[in-house]
């Protein structure tokens, strides 16, 4: 009888131990809503940090483009101004050669040719200036958009960190 009683008690103890182990496993495998919120908030924070880093890279690239466009714009303005000075000189030379040698003289014809070439250069430089202005405006717009994205990502990150703190407090 003693062996039979011992066997019954062993089976009963194993059954109770199994129930306790099953309950513990069920609690650890199935996360509570608070744990899920914490996990979700952590994931959101990681994503916000990635977005923030990408937006900063974009903004910095746009700033480099802006700086390059400014340099190009300034160079084109210098070139255009030099061409305008050449045009003014060629006009003076043309008037002087027209008066001294005549309208159809070789000197006057050469001055007209120089004047036409200088005007073409000046007009090309002006077109470059206009293109650089458009590029500069587009780059500034892009940089401003990227800065807005950065600000939004910072707000999202702050909000997600706040949510995480609240979820951790509620979970305890």
Foldseek 3Di string as FASTA:
>chain_A
DVVVVVVVVVVVVVVVVVVVVVVVVVDVVDDDPLVVLLVVLVVLLVVLVVQLVVLVVQLVVLVVQLVVLVVQLVVLVVQLVVLVVQLVVLVVQLVVCCVVPNCPDPSNVVSVVSNVVSVVSNVVSVVSNVVSVVSNVVSVVSSVVSVVSNVVSVVSNVVSVVSNVVSVVVVD
